[in-house]
Amino acid sequence: MNKEEILNQYFREEKAGKVKLFKHLNLHVKKGQILFTGSSLMEQFPVNEIQQKYDLGAIIYNRGIGGFTIPEMLDAVEEQILELEPAVIFLNIGTNDISAQEWSKETFEGDYRRLLEIIKERLPKTGVFLMKYYPVNEEVAEQMPGDGYIRTVRCRMERMETANQVVCDLAREFGYQYIDVNSGIVDFNGQVKKELSKDGIHLWPEAYEIIFENMKPYILES
């Protein structure tokens, strides 16, 4: 195997290991709590640190897995969502899908709809919030080594509006809420503020503090 193949295999094994870990962790969760789930932008949400500052009256569990696509979440839906039997779900999944070279709105919409169908069928009483995707920062991505980050950022910038509209429409179709919690992290160009972006894609904890403040009304109402 070449270097890229080795790295891809390692990444697949790392993701599989996280799914296995969640299977064990889920044996000990308290049901009926709050679930944050998705890919890396959710995995890196520092919920343990943030929720200690607030008396929410509920526990927040994080079941994000970096690099995950919607089809991967469909395969791991038991571990990432269903086994926790949450009262509320905040879902941020799909950014890796829209970053792929081979992407279509139809496939993206179909995969996302299937995920929501499973949630609706298995967790009919659960409140679900579908999160608007966080914007990116092209300037920060250009400063990163290699061309991976800037290529990903440009794909997301090109497809973000379409993807967000799909998620918004699906929320309406399934009776869920589509929420925009990006206020305060966005600059005048509509991109994530440079000082809040690690690499043009991922966020520093300060950004998540702002996002969590925006999420609090939805958390408290649920």
N, C-alpha and C. Protein backbone atom coordinates (compact mmCIF):
# COMPACT_ATOMS: atom_id res chain seq x y z
N MET A 1 0.83 -1.20 0.00
CA MET A 1 0.00 0.00 0.00
C MET A 1 0.87 1.25 0.00
N ASN A 2 0.40 2.28 -0.70
CA ASN A 2 1.12 3.54 -0.66
C ASN A 2 0.71 4.32 0.59
N LYS A 3 1.34 5.47 0.78
CA LYS A 3 1.11 6.26 1.99
C LYS A 3 -0.35 6.65 2.15
N GLU A 4 -0.98 7.07 1.06
CA GLU A 4 -2.38 7.50 1.13
C GLU A 4 -3.28 6.35 1.52
N GLU A 5 -3.03 5.17 0.96
CA GLU A 5 -3.84 4.00 1.28
C GLU A 5 -3.69 3.60 2.75
N ILE A 6 -2.45 3.71 3.25
CA ILE A 6 -2.19 3.39 4.66
C ILE A 6 -2.94 4.35 5.57
N LEU A 7 -2.89 5.64 5.22
CA LEU A 7 -3.60 6.64 6.03
C LEU A 7 -5.11 6.43 5.99
N ASN A 8 -5.64 6.09 4.82
CA ASN A 8 -7.07 5.85 4.70
C ASN A 8 -7.50 4.63 5.52
N GLN A 9 -6.67 3.58 5.50
CA GLN A 9 -6.97 2.40 6.30
C GLN A 9 -6.94 2.73 7.79
N TYR A 10 -5.94 3.50 8.19
CA TYR A 10 -5.85 3.90 9.60
C TYR A 10 -7.09 4.70 10.01
N PHE A 11 -7.52 5.61 9.13
CA PHE A 11 -8.68 6.45 9.43
C PHE A 11 -9.94 5.59 9.55
N ARG A 12 -10.10 4.61 8.67
CA ARG A 12 -11.25 3.71 8.74
C ARG A 12 -11.25 2.93 10.06
N GLU A 13 -10.06 2.45 10.44
CA GLU A 13 -9.95 1.70 11.69
C GLU A 13 -10.22 2.58 12.90
N GLU A 14 -9.77 3.83 12.82
CA GLU A 14 -10.01 4.76 13.92
C GLU A 14 -11.51 5.02 14.09
N LYS A 15 -12.20 5.23 12.99
CA LYS A 15 -13.65 5.46 13.06
C LYS A 15 -14.37 4.23 13.59
N ALA A 16 -13.96 3.05 13.12
CA ALA A 16 -14.58 1.81 13.60
C ALA A 16 -14.34 1.64 15.10
N GLY A 17 -13.17 2.05 15.56
CA GLY A 17 -12.87 1.96 16.99
C GLY A 17 -13.76 2.86 17.82
N LYS A 18 -14.09 4.03 17.30
CA LYS A 18 -14.98 4.94 18.02
C LYS A 18 -16.40 4.37 18.10
N VAL A 19 -16.85 3.76 17.02
CA VAL A 19 -18.18 3.14 17.04
C VAL A 19 -18.21 2.04 18.10
N LYS A 20 -17.15 1.23 18.14
CA LYS A 20 -17.07 0.16 19.15
C LYS A 20 -17.06 0.73 20.56
N LEU A 21 -16.32 1.81 20.76
CA LEU A 21 -16.29 2.45 22.08
C LEU A 21 -17.67 2.93 22.48
N PHE A 22 -18.39 3.56 21.55
CA PHE A 22 -19.74 4.04 21.85
C PHE A 22 -20.65 2.89 22.26
N LYS A 23 -20.49 1.74 21.61
CA LYS A 23 -21.30 0.57 21.96
C LYS A 23 -21.15 0.23 23.45
N HIS A 24 -19.93 0.33 23.94
CA HIS A 24 -19.67 0.04 25.35
C HIS A 24 -20.14 1.19 26.25
N LEU A 25 -19.87 2.43 25.84
CA LEU A 25 -20.31 3.56 26.65
C LEU A 25 -21.82 3.62 26.78
N ASN A 26 -22.52 3.22 25.73
CA ASN A 26 -23.97 3.31 25.74
C ASN A 26 -24.63 2.36 26.74
N LEU A 27 -23.88 1.39 27.21
CA LEU A 27 -24.42 0.49 28.22
C LEU A 27 -24.66 1.21 29.54
N HIS A 28 -24.02 2.36 29.70
CA HIS A 28 -24.05 3.04 30.99
C HIS A 28 -24.69 4.43 30.94
N VAL A 29 -25.26 4.79 29.80
CA VAL A 29 -25.85 6.12 29.70
C VAL A 29 -27.18 6.18 30.44
N LYS A 30 -27.55 7.39 30.81
CA LYS A 30 -28.88 7.65 31.37
C LYS A 30 -29.79 8.00 30.20
N LYS A 31 -30.86 7.25 30.03
CA LYS A 31 -31.76 7.48 28.90
C LYS A 31 -32.50 8.81 29.06
N GLY A 32 -33.03 9.29 27.94
CA GLY A 32 -33.87 10.48 27.98
C GLY A 32 -33.13 11.78 28.18
N GLN A 33 -31.87 11.83 27.74
CA GLN A 33 -31.07 13.03 27.91
C GLN A 33 -30.90 13.75 26.57
N ILE A 34 -29.91 14.61 26.48
CA ILE A 34 -29.64 15.40 25.28
C ILE A 34 -28.49 14.76 24.51
N LEU A 35 -28.62 14.64 23.21
CA LEU A 35 -27.58 14.04 22.38
C LEU A 35 -27.09 15.02 21.33
N PHE A 36 -25.78 15.22 21.28
CA PHE A 36 -25.12 15.92 20.19
C PHE A 36 -24.47 14.84 19.33
N THR A 37 -24.78 14.79 18.05
CA THR A 37 -24.21 13.75 17.20
C THR A 37 -23.95 14.27 15.79
N GLY A 38 -23.00 13.64 15.12
CA GLY A 38 -22.62 14.06 13.79
C GLY A 38 -21.22 13.63 13.44
N SER A 39 -20.50 14.50 12.76
CA SER A 39 -19.13 14.20 12.37
C SER A 39 -18.16 15.01 13.23
N SER A 40 -17.00 15.38 12.68
CA SER A 40 -15.96 16.00 13.51
C SER A 40 -16.38 17.34 14.11
N LEU A 41 -17.19 18.10 13.41
CA LEU A 41 -17.63 19.39 13.94
C LEU A 41 -18.52 19.24 15.16
N MET A 42 -19.10 18.06 15.32
CA MET A 42 -19.83 17.76 16.55
C MET A 42 -18.93 17.04 17.54
N GLU A 43 -18.09 16.14 17.06
CA GLU A 43 -17.18 15.42 17.95
C GLU A 43 -16.31 16.38 18.76
N GLN A 44 -15.89 17.47 18.12
CA GLN A 44 -15.00 18.42 18.79
C GLN A 44 -15.73 19.44 19.65
N PHE A 45 -17.05 19.34 19.73
CA PHE A 45 -17.83 20.23 20.60
C PHE A 45 -17.49 19.86 22.05
N PRO A 46 -16.88 20.78 22.83
CA PRO A 46 -16.42 20.44 24.18
C PRO A 46 -17.56 20.45 25.20
N VAL A 47 -18.48 19.51 25.05
CA VAL A 47 -19.68 19.54 25.88
C VAL A 47 -19.38 19.29 27.35
N ASN A 48 -18.38 18.46 27.64
CA ASN A 48 -18.08 18.19 29.05
C ASN A 48 -17.68 19.46 29.79
N GLU A 49 -16.84 20.28 29.15
CA GLU A 49 -16.40 21.53 29.76
C GLU A 49 -17.54 22.56 29.81
N ILE A 50 -18.27 22.68 28.71
CA ILE A 50 -19.29 23.71 28.61
C ILE A 50 -20.46 23.45 29.54
N GLN A 51 -20.93 22.20 29.59
CA GLN A 51 -22.14 21.96 30.38
C GLN A 51 -21.90 22.09 31.88
N GLN A 52 -20.64 22.03 32.31
CA GLN A 52 -20.35 22.23 33.73
C GLN A 52 -20.62 23.66 34.17
N LYS A 53 -20.70 24.58 33.22
CA LYS A 53 -20.97 25.98 33.54
C LYS A 53 -22.45 26.26 33.73
N TYR A 54 -23.30 25.33 33.29
CA TYR A 54 -24.73 25.60 33.27
C TYR A 54 -25.49 24.51 34.03
N ASP A 55 -26.56 24.91 34.67
CA ASP A 55 -27.45 23.96 35.32
C ASP A 55 -28.59 23.65 34.35
N LEU A 56 -28.36 22.67 33.50
CA LEU A 56 -29.31 22.38 32.43
C LEU A 56 -30.41 21.43 32.87
N GLY A 57 -30.19 20.74 33.99
CA GLY A 57 -31.16 19.76 34.43
C GLY A 57 -31.17 18.51 33.59
N ALA A 58 -30.15 18.34 32.74
CA ALA A 58 -30.04 17.16 31.89
C ALA A 58 -28.57 16.98 31.52
N ILE A 59 -28.25 15.80 31.04
CA ILE A 59 -26.89 15.47 30.61
C ILE A 59 -26.81 15.61 29.10
N ILE A 60 -25.68 16.13 28.63
CA ILE A 60 -25.41 16.15 27.19
C ILE A 60 -24.39 15.06 26.88
N TYR A 61 -24.76 14.16 25.99
CA TYR A 61 -23.84 13.15 25.49
C TYR A 61 -23.39 13.54 24.08
N ASN A 62 -22.11 13.31 23.79
CA ASN A 62 -21.56 13.61 22.47
C ASN A 62 -21.23 12.30 21.77
N ARG A 63 -21.83 12.10 20.61
CA ARG A 63 -21.55 10.90 19.82
C ARG A 63 -21.14 11.28 18.39
N GLY A 64 -20.33 12.32 18.28
CA GLY A 64 -19.78 12.68 16.97
C GLY A 64 -18.58 11.83 16.64
N ILE A 65 -18.37 11.58 15.35
CA ILE A 65 -17.21 10.82 14.89
C ILE A 65 -16.60 11.57 13.70
N GLY A 66 -15.35 11.99 13.88
CA GLY A 66 -14.66 12.73 12.84
C GLY A 66 -14.57 11.95 11.53
N GLY A 67 -14.84 12.63 10.42
CA GLY A 67 -14.74 12.02 9.11
C GLY A 67 -16.00 11.31 8.65
N PHE A 68 -17.00 11.20 9.52
CA PHE A 68 -18.20 10.44 9.17
C PHE A 68 -19.03 11.14 8.11
N THR A 69 -19.57 10.32 7.22
CA THR A 69 -20.56 10.75 6.24
C THR A 69 -21.93 10.26 6.69
N ILE A 70 -22.96 10.68 5.98
CA ILE A 70 -24.31 10.22 6.33
C ILE A 70 -24.44 8.70 6.16
N PRO A 71 -23.94 8.09 5.05
CA PRO A 71 -24.01 6.63 4.97
C PRO A 71 -23.30 5.93 6.12
N GLU A 72 -22.19 6.47 6.59
CA GLU A 72 -21.50 5.87 7.73
C GLU A 72 -22.35 5.99 9.00
N MET A 73 -23.02 7.12 9.16
CA MET A 73 -23.91 7.26 10.31
C MET A 73 -25.08 6.29 10.20
N LEU A 74 -25.58 6.06 9.02
CA LEU A 74 -26.65 5.08 8.85
C LEU A 74 -26.20 3.70 9.32
N ASP A 75 -24.95 3.36 9.03
CA ASP A 75 -24.42 2.07 9.47
C ASP A 75 -24.21 2.02 10.98
N ALA A 76 -23.97 3.17 11.60
CA ALA A 76 -23.68 3.24 13.04
C ALA A 76 -24.81 3.93 13.80
N VAL A 77 -26.01 3.93 13.24
CA VAL A 77 -27.11 4.70 13.85
C VAL A 77 -27.48 4.16 15.24
N GLU A 78 -27.30 2.88 15.47
CA GLU A 78 -27.58 2.34 16.80
C GLU A 78 -26.65 2.96 17.83
N GLU A 79 -25.35 2.96 17.52
CA GLU A 79 -24.35 3.45 18.47
C GLU A 79 -24.36 4.96 18.61
N GLN A 80 -24.60 5.66 17.53
CA GLN A 80 -24.53 7.12 17.56
C GLN A 80 -25.83 7.77 18.03
N ILE A 81 -26.94 7.05 17.91
CA ILE A 81 -28.23 7.69 18.23
C ILE A 81 -29.16 6.79 19.03
N LEU A 82 -29.56 5.68 18.47
CA LEU A 82 -30.72 4.94 18.97
C LEU A 82 -30.52 4.35 20.35
N GLU A 83 -29.33 3.82 20.62
CA GLU A 83 -29.10 3.16 21.91
C GLU A 83 -29.20 4.12 23.09
N LEU A 84 -29.02 5.41 22.85
CA LEU A 84 -29.10 6.37 23.95
C LEU A 84 -30.53 6.75 24.29
N GLU A 85 -31.47 6.47 23.38
CA GLU A 85 -32.88 6.83 23.57
C GLU A 85 -33.00 8.27 24.09
N PRO A 86 -32.44 9.23 23.36
CA PRO A 86 -32.42 10.61 23.86
C PRO A 86 -33.79 11.26 23.80
N ALA A 87 -33.98 12.24 24.68
CA ALA A 87 -35.18 13.06 24.61
C ALA A 87 -35.05 14.10 23.52
N VAL A 88 -33.80 14.53 23.28
CA VAL A 88 -33.53 15.59 22.30
C VAL A 88 -32.25 15.25 21.54
N ILE A 89 -32.26 15.49 20.25
CA ILE A 89 -31.09 15.29 19.40
C ILE A 89 -30.74 16.59 18.70
N PHE A 90 -29.47 16.95 18.74
CA PHE A 90 -28.94 18.02 17.90
C PHE A 90 -28.03 17.35 16.88
N LEU A 91 -28.38 17.47 15.62
CA LEU A 91 -27.74 16.72 14.55
C LEU A 91 -26.97 17.64 13.60
N ASN A 92 -25.69 17.34 13.44
CA ASN A 92 -24.85 18.06 12.48
C ASN A 92 -24.04 17.04 11.70
N ILE A 93 -24.60 16.56 10.62
CA ILE A 93 -23.96 15.54 9.79
C ILE A 93 -24.13 15.94 8.33
N GLY A 94 -23.12 15.64 7.51
CA GLY A 94 -23.26 15.90 6.08
C GLY A 94 -22.16 16.75 5.48
N THR A 95 -21.33 17.39 6.33
CA THR A 95 -20.29 18.26 5.76
C THR A 95 -19.26 17.45 4.98
N ASN A 96 -18.98 16.23 5.40
CA ASN A 96 -18.04 15.41 4.64
C ASN A 96 -18.64 14.93 3.33
N ASP A 97 -19.95 14.76 3.32
CA ASP A 97 -20.63 14.37 2.08
C ASP A 97 -20.52 15.47 1.03
N ILE A 98 -20.75 16.71 1.45
CA ILE A 98 -20.73 17.80 0.47
C ILE A 98 -19.32 18.19 0.08
N SER A 99 -18.32 17.64 0.79
CA SER A 99 -16.92 17.91 0.45
C SER A 99 -16.36 16.90 -0.53
N ALA A 100 -17.08 15.82 -0.77
CA ALA A 100 -16.58 14.76 -1.64
C ALA A 100 -16.58 15.22 -3.10
N GLN A 101 -15.63 14.70 -3.86
CA GLN A 101 -15.56 15.08 -5.27
C GLN A 101 -16.81 14.65 -6.01
N GLU A 102 -17.26 13.43 -5.74
CA GLU A 102 -18.48 12.94 -6.37
C GLU A 102 -19.64 13.21 -5.42
N TRP A 103 -20.37 14.25 -5.70
CA TRP A 103 -21.48 14.68 -4.85
C TRP A 103 -22.67 15.03 -5.71
N SER A 104 -23.85 14.65 -5.24
CA SER A 104 -25.06 15.08 -5.91
C SER A 104 -26.09 15.44 -4.86
N LYS A 105 -26.87 16.43 -5.15
CA LYS A 105 -27.94 16.84 -4.24
C LYS A 105 -28.91 15.69 -4.00
N GLU A 106 -29.20 14.92 -5.03
CA GLU A 106 -30.18 13.86 -4.92
C GLU A 106 -29.71 12.77 -3.95
N THR A 107 -28.44 12.37 -4.07
CA THR A 107 -27.91 11.35 -3.17
C THR A 107 -27.86 11.86 -1.74
N PHE A 108 -27.38 13.10 -1.59
CA PHE A 108 -27.30 13.72 -0.27
C PHE A 108 -28.68 13.77 0.39
N GLU A 109 -29.67 14.22 -0.35
CA GLU A 109 -31.02 14.33 0.19
C GLU A 109 -31.59 12.96 0.53
N GLY A 110 -31.35 11.98 -0.32
CA GLY A 110 -31.86 10.64 -0.08
C GLY A 110 -31.25 10.00 1.16
N ASP A 111 -29.93 10.18 1.34
CA ASP A 111 -29.26 9.63 2.52
C ASP A 111 -29.76 10.30 3.79
N TYR A 112 -29.87 11.61 3.75
CA TYR A 112 -30.32 12.36 4.94
C TYR A 112 -31.76 11.98 5.28
N ARG A 113 -32.60 11.85 4.26
CA ARG A 113 -34.00 11.48 4.50
C ARG A 113 -34.08 10.10 5.13
N ARG A 114 -33.28 9.16 4.68
CA ARG A 114 -33.30 7.81 5.26
C ARG A 114 -32.92 7.86 6.73
N LEU A 115 -31.94 8.68 7.09
CA LEU A 115 -31.55 8.82 8.49
C LEU A 115 -32.70 9.35 9.32
N LEU A 116 -33.38 10.35 8.82
CA LEU A 116 -34.51 10.92 9.56
C LEU A 116 -35.68 9.94 9.64
N GLU A 117 -35.87 9.14 8.61
CA GLU A 117 -36.92 8.12 8.66
C GLU A 117 -36.68 7.13 9.80
N ILE A 118 -35.41 6.74 9.97
CA ILE A 118 -35.07 5.80 11.04
C ILE A 118 -35.32 6.44 12.40
N ILE A 119 -34.89 7.69 12.55
CA ILE A 119 -35.09 8.38 13.83
C ILE A 119 -36.57 8.53 14.13
N LYS A 120 -37.34 8.93 13.13
CA LYS A 120 -38.78 9.12 13.32
C LYS A 120 -39.47 7.81 13.69
N GLU A 121 -39.06 6.73 13.05
CA GLU A 121 -39.69 5.43 13.32
C GLU A 121 -39.29 4.89 14.69
N ARG A 122 -38.01 4.99 15.04
CA ARG A 122 -37.52 4.36 16.27
C ARG A 122 -37.64 5.26 17.50
N LEU A 123 -37.62 6.56 17.27
CA LEU A 123 -37.68 7.52 18.38
C LEU A 123 -38.77 8.56 18.09
N PRO A 124 -40.02 8.13 18.03
CA PRO A 124 -41.09 9.03 17.58
C PRO A 124 -41.35 10.21 18.52
N LYS A 125 -40.99 10.09 19.79
CA LYS A 125 -41.24 11.16 20.75
C LYS A 125 -40.03 12.07 20.96
N THR A 126 -38.95 11.79 20.30
CA THR A 126 -37.72 12.57 20.48
C THR A 126 -37.78 13.87 19.69
N GLY A 127 -37.40 14.96 20.34
CA GLY A 127 -37.28 16.23 19.64
C GLY A 127 -35.96 16.28 18.87
N VAL A 128 -36.02 16.73 17.63
CA VAL A 128 -34.84 16.72 16.78
C VAL A 128 -34.60 18.12 16.20
N PHE A 129 -33.37 18.59 16.38
CA PHE A 129 -32.94 19.87 15.83
C PHE A 129 -31.88 19.61 14.77
N LEU A 130 -32.15 20.01 13.55
CA LEU A 130 -31.20 19.87 12.46
C LEU A 130 -30.44 21.19 12.33
N MET A 131 -29.15 21.12 12.49
CA MET A 131 -28.34 22.34 12.57
C MET A 131 -27.86 22.82 11.20
N LYS A 132 -28.01 24.10 10.97
CA LYS A 132 -27.41 24.71 9.78
C LYS A 132 -25.91 24.51 9.85
N TYR A 133 -25.29 24.21 8.72
CA TYR A 133 -23.86 23.94 8.71
C TYR A 133 -23.06 25.20 9.06
N TYR A 134 -21.97 24.99 9.80
CA TYR A 134 -21.08 26.10 10.09
C TYR A 134 -20.37 26.52 8.81
N PRO A 135 -20.19 27.81 8.59
CA PRO A 135 -19.41 28.24 7.43
C PRO A 135 -17.94 27.92 7.63
N VAL A 136 -17.15 28.19 6.61
CA VAL A 136 -15.71 27.88 6.62
C VAL A 136 -14.93 29.18 6.49
N ASN A 137 -13.61 29.08 6.46
CA ASN A 137 -12.78 30.26 6.23
C ASN A 137 -11.70 29.92 5.20
N GLU A 138 -11.81 30.51 4.03
CA GLU A 138 -10.92 30.19 2.93
C GLU A 138 -9.49 30.67 3.21
N GLU A 139 -9.35 31.84 3.81
CA GLU A 139 -8.01 32.38 4.06
C GLU A 139 -7.21 31.50 5.01
N VAL A 140 -7.85 31.02 6.07
CA VAL A 140 -7.15 30.14 7.01
C VAL A 140 -6.78 28.83 6.34
N ALA A 141 -7.67 28.29 5.53
CA ALA A 141 -7.40 27.02 4.84
C ALA A 141 -6.22 27.14 3.89
N GLU A 142 -6.07 28.29 3.27
CA GLU A 142 -4.95 28.50 2.34
C GLU A 142 -3.60 28.45 3.04
N GLN A 143 -3.59 28.69 4.34
CA GLN A 143 -2.34 28.70 5.10
C GLN A 143 -1.95 27.31 5.61
N MET A 144 -2.82 26.33 5.43
CA MET A 144 -2.55 24.98 5.90
C MET A 144 -1.69 24.23 4.89
N PRO A 145 -0.81 23.32 5.36
CA PRO A 145 0.03 22.56 4.43
C PRO A 145 -0.79 21.61 3.56
N GLY A 146 -0.29 21.38 2.36
CA GLY A 146 -1.02 20.53 1.43
C GLY A 146 -2.22 21.25 0.84
N ASP A 147 -2.93 20.56 -0.04
CA ASP A 147 -4.09 21.19 -0.68
C ASP A 147 -5.41 20.61 -0.21
N GLY A 148 -5.36 19.72 0.79
CA GLY A 148 -6.58 19.07 1.24
C GLY A 148 -7.58 20.02 1.86
N TYR A 149 -7.10 20.90 2.74
CA TYR A 149 -8.02 21.80 3.44
C TYR A 149 -8.66 22.79 2.48
N ILE A 150 -7.86 23.39 1.63
CA ILE A 150 -8.42 24.41 0.75
C ILE A 150 -9.38 23.78 -0.26
N ARG A 151 -9.08 22.57 -0.71
CA ARG A 151 -9.99 21.88 -1.63
C ARG A 151 -11.32 21.59 -0.94
N THR A 152 -11.24 21.13 0.31
CA THR A 152 -12.46 20.84 1.07
C THR A 152 -13.27 22.11 1.30
N VAL A 153 -12.59 23.17 1.70
CA VAL A 153 -13.27 24.44 1.96
C VAL A 153 -13.98 24.95 0.72
N ARG A 154 -13.34 24.87 -0.41
CA ARG A 154 -13.96 25.39 -1.64
C ARG A 154 -15.15 24.54 -2.08
N CYS A 155 -15.06 23.23 -1.88
CA CYS A 155 -16.22 22.38 -2.16
C CYS A 155 -17.40 22.76 -1.27
N ARG A 156 -17.11 22.94 0.01
CA ARG A 156 -18.19 23.27 0.95
C ARG A 156 -18.79 24.64 0.64
N MET A 157 -17.95 25.60 0.30
CA MET A 157 -18.45 26.92 -0.03
C MET A 157 -19.38 26.86 -1.24
N GLU A 158 -19.01 26.04 -2.21
CA GLU A 158 -19.78 25.94 -3.45
C GLU A 158 -21.14 25.28 -3.21
N ARG A 159 -21.19 24.33 -2.27
CA ARG A 159 -22.39 23.50 -2.11
C ARG A 159 -23.19 23.81 -0.84
N MET A 160 -22.66 24.67 0.02
CA MET A 160 -23.24 24.88 1.34
C MET A 160 -24.68 25.37 1.29
N GLU A 161 -24.95 26.34 0.44
CA GLU A 161 -26.30 26.90 0.38
C GLU A 161 -27.31 25.85 -0.04
N THR A 162 -26.95 25.05 -1.05
CA THR A 162 -27.84 23.99 -1.51
C THR A 162 -28.07 22.96 -0.41
N ALA A 163 -26.99 22.56 0.27
CA ALA A 163 -27.10 21.56 1.33
C ALA A 163 -27.95 22.07 2.48
N ASN A 164 -27.75 23.31 2.88
CA ASN A 164 -28.55 23.87 3.96
C ASN A 164 -30.03 23.92 3.59
N GLN A 165 -30.33 24.22 2.35
CA GLN A 165 -31.73 24.26 1.93
C GLN A 165 -32.35 22.88 1.98
N VAL A 166 -31.57 21.86 1.59
CA VAL A 166 -32.06 20.48 1.68
C VAL A 166 -32.40 20.13 3.12
N VAL A 167 -31.49 20.46 4.04
CA VAL A 167 -31.71 20.14 5.45
C VAL A 167 -32.92 20.89 5.99
N CYS A 168 -33.05 22.16 5.62
CA CYS A 168 -34.19 22.97 6.05
C CYS A 168 -35.51 22.36 5.55
N ASP A 169 -35.53 21.94 4.29
CA ASP A 169 -36.74 21.35 3.72
C ASP A 169 -37.07 20.01 4.39
N LEU A 170 -36.05 19.22 4.71
CA LEU A 170 -36.28 17.94 5.36
C LEU A 170 -36.81 18.14 6.79
N ALA A 171 -36.29 19.15 7.46
CA ALA A 171 -36.79 19.44 8.81
C ALA A 171 -38.29 19.73 8.76
N ARG A 172 -38.70 20.51 7.80
CA ARG A 172 -40.12 20.84 7.65
C ARG A 172 -40.93 19.58 7.31
N GLU A 173 -40.39 18.76 6.43
CA GLU A 173 -41.08 17.53 6.01
C GLU A 173 -41.32 16.58 7.19
N PHE A 174 -40.34 16.48 8.09
CA PHE A 174 -40.42 15.51 9.19
C PHE A 174 -40.96 16.12 10.48
N GLY A 175 -41.27 17.41 10.46
CA GLY A 175 -41.77 18.04 11.66
C GLY A 175 -40.69 18.32 12.69
N TYR A 176 -39.46 18.45 12.24
CA TYR A 176 -38.34 18.78 13.12
C TYR A 176 -38.00 20.27 12.97
N GLN A 177 -37.08 20.74 13.79
CA GLN A 177 -36.68 22.15 13.73
C GLN A 177 -35.31 22.29 13.06
N TYR A 178 -35.22 23.19 12.11
CA TYR A 178 -33.96 23.57 11.48
C TYR A 178 -33.48 24.83 12.20
N ILE A 179 -32.28 24.80 12.76
CA ILE A 179 -31.82 25.93 13.57
C ILE A 179 -30.50 26.48 13.04
N ASP A 180 -30.40 27.78 13.07
CA ASP A 180 -29.18 28.50 12.71
C ASP A 180 -28.58 29.05 14.00
N VAL A 181 -27.47 28.45 14.46
CA VAL A 181 -26.83 28.88 15.70
C VAL A 181 -25.45 29.46 15.42
N ASN A 182 -25.30 30.05 14.23
CA ASN A 182 -24.00 30.55 13.79
C ASN A 182 -23.77 32.03 14.10
N SER A 183 -24.77 32.68 14.67
CA SER A 183 -24.61 34.11 14.98
C SER A 183 -23.43 34.32 15.93
N GLY A 184 -22.57 35.26 15.57
CA GLY A 184 -21.43 35.58 16.42
C GLY A 184 -20.14 34.93 16.01
N ILE A 185 -20.20 33.89 15.15
CA ILE A 185 -18.96 33.25 14.69
C ILE A 185 -18.65 33.61 13.24
N VAL A 186 -19.52 34.41 12.63
CA VAL A 186 -19.41 34.69 11.19
C VAL A 186 -18.93 36.12 10.97
N ASP A 187 -18.01 36.30 10.00
CA ASP A 187 -17.51 37.64 9.69
C ASP A 187 -18.38 38.31 8.63
N PHE A 188 -17.97 39.49 8.19
CA PHE A 188 -18.79 40.27 7.25
C PHE A 188 -18.85 39.62 5.87
N ASN A 189 -17.96 38.65 5.59
CA ASN A 189 -18.00 37.94 4.31
C ASN A 189 -18.84 36.67 4.37
N GLY A 190 -19.41 36.40 5.55
CA GLY A 190 -20.20 35.19 5.70
C GLY A 190 -19.37 33.95 5.99
N GLN A 191 -18.07 34.15 6.29
CA GLN A 191 -17.21 33.04 6.65
C GLN A 191 -16.96 33.04 8.16
N VAL A 192 -16.52 31.88 8.69
CA VAL A 192 -16.16 31.84 10.10
C VAL A 192 -15.02 32.83 10.35
N LYS A 193 -15.10 33.56 11.46
CA LYS A 193 -14.06 34.50 11.80
C LYS A 193 -12.71 33.79 11.90
N LYS A 194 -11.66 34.41 11.38
CA LYS A 194 -10.35 33.78 11.32
C LYS A 194 -9.87 33.31 12.68
N GLU A 195 -10.09 34.12 13.70
CA GLU A 195 -9.57 33.79 15.02
C GLU A 195 -10.31 32.62 15.67
N LEU A 196 -11.44 32.21 15.09
CA LEU A 196 -12.22 31.10 15.63
C LEU A 196 -12.01 29.81 14.85
N SER A 197 -11.22 29.87 13.79
CA SER A 197 -11.04 28.71 12.91
C SER A 197 -9.66 28.10 13.07
N LYS A 198 -9.60 26.79 13.30
CA LYS A 198 -8.32 26.10 13.42
C LYS A 198 -7.60 25.98 12.08
N ASP A 199 -8.37 25.59 11.07
CA ASP A 199 -7.76 25.19 9.80
C ASP A 199 -8.61 25.57 8.59
N GLY A 200 -9.59 26.43 8.81
CA GLY A 200 -10.52 26.78 7.75
C GLY A 200 -11.80 25.98 7.81
N ILE A 201 -11.78 24.85 8.55
CA ILE A 201 -12.93 23.96 8.64
C ILE A 201 -13.37 23.78 10.09
N HIS A 202 -12.43 23.38 10.95
CA HIS A 202 -12.75 23.08 12.34
C HIS A 202 -12.61 24.32 13.22
N LEU A 203 -13.22 24.26 14.40
CA LEU A 203 -13.37 25.44 15.24
C LEU A 203 -12.61 25.32 16.55
N TRP A 204 -12.16 26.45 17.06
CA TRP A 204 -11.57 26.51 18.39
C TRP A 204 -12.68 26.48 19.45
N PRO A 205 -12.36 26.10 20.69
CA PRO A 205 -13.39 26.05 21.74
C PRO A 205 -14.14 27.36 21.93
N GLU A 206 -13.48 28.49 21.68
CA GLU A 206 -14.16 29.78 21.85
C GLU A 206 -15.38 29.89 20.92
N ALA A 207 -15.25 29.30 19.73
CA ALA A 207 -16.39 29.32 18.80
C ALA A 207 -17.54 28.50 19.35
N TYR A 208 -17.22 27.37 19.94
CA TYR A 208 -18.26 26.51 20.49
C TYR A 208 -18.96 27.15 21.69
N GLU A 209 -18.23 27.97 22.44
CA GLU A 209 -18.87 28.71 23.53
C GLU A 209 -19.98 29.61 22.98
N ILE A 210 -19.68 30.28 21.87
CA ILE A 210 -20.66 31.16 21.24
C ILE A 210 -21.83 30.35 20.69
N ILE A 211 -21.52 29.25 20.02
CA ILE A 211 -22.55 28.39 19.45
C ILE A 211 -23.46 27.85 20.55
N PHE A 212 -22.85 27.42 21.66
CA PHE A 212 -23.65 26.87 22.75
C PHE A 212 -24.60 27.93 23.33
N GLU A 213 -24.13 29.16 23.45
CA GLU A 213 -25.02 30.22 23.92
C GLU A 213 -26.21 30.36 22.99
N ASN A 214 -25.97 30.21 21.68
CA ASN A 214 -27.07 30.29 20.71
C ASN A 214 -28.00 29.08 20.81
N MET A 215 -27.46 27.95 21.23
CA MET A 215 -28.25 26.72 21.35
C MET A 215 -29.07 26.67 22.63
N LYS A 216 -28.66 27.40 23.64
CA LYS A 216 -29.30 27.29 24.96
C LYS A 216 -30.81 27.45 24.93
N PRO A 217 -31.38 28.40 24.17
CA PRO A 217 -32.85 28.49 24.17
C PRO A 217 -33.53 27.21 23.69
N TYR A 218 -32.93 26.53 22.70
CA TYR A 218 -33.50 25.29 22.20
C TYR A 218 -33.32 24.16 23.22
N ILE A 219 -32.18 24.16 23.90
CA ILE A 219 -31.93 23.15 24.93
C ILE A 219 -32.90 23.33 26.09
N LEU A 220 -33.07 24.55 26.54
CA LEU A 220 -33.91 24.80 27.69
C LEU A 220 -35.39 24.59 27.39
N GLU A 221 -35.81 24.89 26.17
CA GLU A 221 -37.23 24.71 25.83
C GLU A 221 -37.59 23.23 25.69
N SER A 222 -36.59 22.41 25.48
CA SER A 222 -36.85 20.98 25.29
C SER A 222 -36.69 20.25 26.61
